Amino acid sequence: MAEIKAAIDALKSAVSVLKANPALLDSPELAFFKDYVKSLGATFPEPKKAAAAPNVNDIEDSDDDLPDLEEAAEPA
C-alpha cells in the first residue's frame, strides 16, 4: 500500500505542476498522459501557435524526495 501512496503523491505533484503551467500538456513528453485524459472524455483547447510548448526537462525538478513511479510499482 505504501507503493500506491507514493505513486499517488507523485501524481498529485505532477498535476500541481500542470495546473501551474497547462501549456506543458502540449509537450511531446506528456502526449501519453494527454491521450489518457482524452480517453476519459476530457477536451483541450488547441495549443497556441505563437508559443512553443515548454520542454518538461527545462522545469526545475522539485520532487527529488519522491520515488520514481517505476520503483513505486515494483513489488517489495
N, C-alpha and C. Protein backbone atom coordinates (compact mmCIF):
# COMPACT_ATOMS: atom_id res chain seq x y z
N MET A 1 0.82 -1.20 0.00
CA MET A 1 0.00 0.00 0.00
C MET A 1 0.86 1.26 0.00
N ALA A 2 2.06 1.17 0.59
CA ALA A 2 2.95 2.33 0.61
C ALA A 2 3.36 2.71 -0.81
N GLU A 3 3.51 1.71 -1.70
CA GLU A 3 3.90 2.00 -3.08
C GLU A 3 2.81 2.80 -3.79
N ILE A 4 1.57 2.43 -3.56
CA ILE A 4 0.45 3.15 -4.17
C ILE A 4 0.39 4.58 -3.65
N LYS A 5 0.59 4.75 -2.35
CA LYS A 5 0.56 6.10 -1.76
C LYS A 5 1.66 6.96 -2.38
N ALA A 6 2.85 6.40 -2.56
CA ALA A 6 3.94 7.15 -3.16
C ALA A 6 3.61 7.53 -4.60
N ALA A 7 2.99 6.62 -5.35
CA ALA A 7 2.60 6.91 -6.73
C ALA A 7 1.53 8.00 -6.77
N ILE A 8 0.58 7.95 -5.86
CA ILE A 8 -0.48 8.96 -5.79
C ILE A 8 0.12 10.32 -5.44
N ASP A 9 1.05 10.33 -4.50
CA ASP A 9 1.70 11.59 -4.13
C ASP A 9 2.46 12.18 -5.32
N ALA A 10 3.13 11.32 -6.10
CA ALA A 10 3.86 11.78 -7.28
C ALA A 10 2.89 12.33 -8.32
N LEU A 11 1.74 11.67 -8.48
CA LEU A 11 0.74 12.14 -9.43
C LEU A 11 0.17 13.49 -8.99
N LYS A 12 -0.08 13.64 -7.71
CA LYS A 12 -0.56 14.93 -7.19
C LYS A 12 0.44 16.04 -7.48
N SER A 13 1.71 15.73 -7.30
CA SER A 13 2.76 16.71 -7.57
C SER A 13 2.78 17.08 -9.05
N ALA A 14 2.67 16.08 -9.92
CA ALA A 14 2.67 16.34 -11.36
C ALA A 14 1.47 17.17 -11.76
N VAL A 15 0.31 16.87 -11.22
CA VAL A 15 -0.90 17.63 -11.55
C VAL A 15 -0.76 19.08 -11.06
N SER A 16 -0.13 19.29 -9.93
CA SER A 16 0.09 20.65 -9.44
C SER A 16 0.96 21.44 -10.42
N VAL A 17 1.98 20.79 -10.96
CA VAL A 17 2.85 21.45 -11.95
C VAL A 17 2.04 21.78 -13.20
N LEU A 18 1.20 20.85 -13.64
CA LEU A 18 0.39 21.08 -14.84
C LEU A 18 -0.65 22.18 -14.62
N LYS A 19 -1.19 22.27 -13.41
CA LYS A 19 -2.13 23.35 -13.11
C LYS A 19 -1.43 24.70 -13.18
N ALA A 20 -0.19 24.74 -12.72
CA ALA A 20 0.56 25.99 -12.73
C ALA A 20 1.01 26.37 -14.14
N ASN A 21 1.19 25.37 -15.01
CA ASN A 21 1.65 25.62 -16.37
C ASN A 21 0.95 24.65 -17.33
N PRO A 22 -0.31 24.91 -17.66
CA PRO A 22 -1.08 23.99 -18.51
C PRO A 22 -0.47 23.77 -19.89
N ALA A 23 0.34 24.68 -20.37
CA ALA A 23 0.95 24.52 -21.69
C ALA A 23 1.86 23.29 -21.74
N LEU A 24 2.28 22.80 -20.60
CA LEU A 24 3.11 21.59 -20.56
C LEU A 24 2.40 20.39 -21.17
N LEU A 25 1.08 20.39 -21.13
CA LEU A 25 0.32 19.27 -21.71
C LEU A 25 0.54 19.17 -23.22
N ASP A 26 1.05 20.22 -23.84
CA ASP A 26 1.31 20.19 -25.27
C ASP A 26 2.70 19.67 -25.60
N SER A 27 3.49 19.36 -24.58
CA SER A 27 4.84 18.85 -24.84
C SER A 27 4.78 17.39 -25.25
N PRO A 28 5.65 16.98 -26.14
CA PRO A 28 5.64 15.59 -26.62
C PRO A 28 5.84 14.57 -25.50
N GLU A 29 6.58 14.95 -24.48
CA GLU A 29 6.83 14.01 -23.37
C GLU A 29 5.56 13.64 -22.62
N LEU A 30 4.55 14.50 -22.67
CA LEU A 30 3.31 14.25 -21.95
C LEU A 30 2.16 13.84 -22.86
N ALA A 31 2.45 13.51 -24.11
CA ALA A 31 1.40 13.10 -25.05
C ALA A 31 0.65 11.89 -24.53
N PHE A 32 1.35 10.94 -23.91
CA PHE A 32 0.69 9.74 -23.39
C PHE A 32 -0.34 10.09 -22.33
N PHE A 33 -0.03 11.07 -21.48
CA PHE A 33 -0.94 11.47 -20.40
C PHE A 33 -2.14 12.21 -20.98
N LYS A 34 -1.88 13.09 -21.94
CA LYS A 34 -2.98 13.83 -22.57
C LYS A 34 -3.91 12.86 -23.29
N ASP A 35 -3.34 11.87 -23.98
CA ASP A 35 -4.17 10.85 -24.65
C ASP A 35 -5.03 10.09 -23.65
N TYR A 36 -4.46 9.75 -22.50
CA TYR A 36 -5.22 9.04 -21.47
C TYR A 36 -6.38 9.89 -20.96
N VAL A 37 -6.10 11.15 -20.65
CA VAL A 37 -7.15 12.02 -20.13
C VAL A 37 -8.24 12.23 -21.18
N LYS A 38 -7.83 12.34 -22.46
CA LYS A 38 -8.82 12.45 -23.54
C LYS A 38 -9.69 11.21 -23.61
N SER A 39 -9.09 10.04 -23.36
CA SER A 39 -9.86 8.79 -23.42
C SER A 39 -10.94 8.74 -22.35
N LEU A 40 -10.79 9.57 -21.32
CA LEU A 40 -11.79 9.66 -20.26
C LEU A 40 -12.87 10.69 -20.58
N GLY A 41 -12.72 11.36 -21.73
CA GLY A 41 -13.73 12.33 -22.15
C GLY A 41 -13.31 13.78 -22.05
N ALA A 42 -12.10 14.04 -21.62
CA ALA A 42 -11.64 15.42 -21.50
C ALA A 42 -11.42 16.03 -22.88
N THR A 43 -11.59 17.33 -22.95
CA THR A 43 -11.28 18.06 -24.18
C THR A 43 -10.27 19.15 -23.83
N PHE A 44 -9.47 19.51 -24.80
CA PHE A 44 -8.43 20.51 -24.60
C PHE A 44 -8.53 21.55 -25.70
N PRO A 45 -8.25 22.81 -25.36
CA PRO A 45 -8.21 23.82 -26.43
C PRO A 45 -7.00 23.55 -27.31
N GLU A 46 -7.07 24.04 -28.53
CA GLU A 46 -5.93 23.91 -29.44
C GLU A 46 -4.75 24.66 -28.84
N PRO A 47 -3.55 24.11 -28.98
CA PRO A 47 -2.38 24.82 -28.46
C PRO A 47 -2.16 26.11 -29.24
N LYS A 48 -1.65 27.11 -28.55
CA LYS A 48 -1.37 28.39 -29.19
C LYS A 48 -0.22 28.21 -30.16
N LYS A 49 -0.38 28.73 -31.35
CA LYS A 49 0.63 28.58 -32.40
C LYS A 49 1.87 29.43 -32.13
N ALA A 50 1.69 30.60 -31.53
CA ALA A 50 2.80 31.54 -31.36
C ALA A 50 3.84 31.03 -30.36
N ALA A 51 3.40 30.41 -29.31
CA ALA A 51 4.33 29.96 -28.28
C ALA A 51 4.57 28.47 -28.41
N ALA A 52 5.82 28.10 -28.37
CA ALA A 52 6.16 26.67 -28.41
C ALA A 52 5.88 26.07 -27.03
N ALA A 53 5.50 24.82 -27.03
CA ALA A 53 5.25 24.13 -25.76
C ALA A 53 6.56 24.04 -24.99
N PRO A 54 6.52 24.31 -23.70
CA PRO A 54 7.75 24.20 -22.91
C PRO A 54 8.21 22.75 -22.82
N ASN A 55 9.47 22.58 -22.68
CA ASN A 55 10.05 21.25 -22.54
C ASN A 55 10.01 20.87 -21.07
N VAL A 56 9.45 19.71 -20.75
CA VAL A 56 9.34 19.30 -19.36
C VAL A 56 10.70 19.13 -18.72
N ASN A 57 11.75 18.94 -19.51
CA ASN A 57 13.09 18.79 -18.95
C ASN A 57 13.67 20.12 -18.51
N ASP A 58 13.06 21.24 -18.92
CA ASP A 58 13.54 22.55 -18.54
C ASP A 58 12.97 23.02 -17.21
N ILE A 59 12.04 22.27 -16.66
CA ILE A 59 11.40 22.65 -15.40
C ILE A 59 12.24 22.12 -14.25
N GLU A 60 12.39 22.95 -13.24
CA GLU A 60 13.17 22.54 -12.07
C GLU A 60 12.50 21.34 -11.41
N ASP A 61 13.27 20.32 -11.14
CA ASP A 61 12.76 19.09 -10.52
C ASP A 61 12.67 19.30 -9.01
N SER A 62 11.45 19.40 -8.50
CA SER A 62 11.27 19.64 -7.08
C SER A 62 10.77 18.41 -6.34
N ASP A 63 10.76 17.25 -7.01
CA ASP A 63 10.25 16.05 -6.36
C ASP A 63 11.37 15.03 -6.14
N ASP A 64 12.58 15.53 -5.84
CA ASP A 64 13.72 14.63 -5.64
C ASP A 64 13.49 13.65 -4.50
N ASP A 65 12.64 14.00 -3.56
CA ASP A 65 12.41 13.11 -2.43
C ASP A 65 11.35 12.05 -2.72
N LEU A 66 10.71 12.12 -3.88
CA LEU A 66 9.69 11.14 -4.24
C LEU A 66 10.31 10.02 -5.05
N PRO A 67 9.84 8.79 -4.87
CA PRO A 67 10.38 7.68 -5.66
C PRO A 67 9.89 7.76 -7.10
N ASP A 68 10.65 7.18 -8.02
CA ASP A 68 10.21 7.07 -9.39
C ASP A 68 8.98 6.18 -9.44
N LEU A 69 8.07 6.43 -10.38
CA LEU A 69 6.86 5.61 -10.48
C LEU A 69 7.21 4.15 -10.74
N GLU A 70 8.28 3.90 -11.51
CA GLU A 70 8.68 2.54 -11.78
C GLU A 70 9.08 1.83 -10.48
N GLU A 71 9.80 2.56 -9.62
CA GLU A 71 10.21 1.99 -8.34
C GLU A 71 9.00 1.73 -7.45
N ALA A 72 8.04 2.66 -7.49
CA ALA A 72 6.86 2.52 -6.64
C ALA A 72 5.99 1.36 -7.09
N ALA A 73 6.05 1.03 -8.38
CA ALA A 73 5.20 -0.04 -8.91
C ALA A 73 5.80 -1.43 -8.69
N GLU A 74 7.09 -1.50 -8.39
CA GLU A 74 7.72 -2.79 -8.19
C GLU A 74 7.30 -3.41 -6.86
N PRO A 75 6.96 -4.71 -6.87
CA PRO A 75 6.58 -5.34 -5.61
C PRO A 75 7.77 -5.40 -4.66
N ALA A 76 7.48 -5.28 -3.40
CA ALA A 76 8.54 -5.29 -2.39
C ALA A 76 9.04 -6.69 -2.10
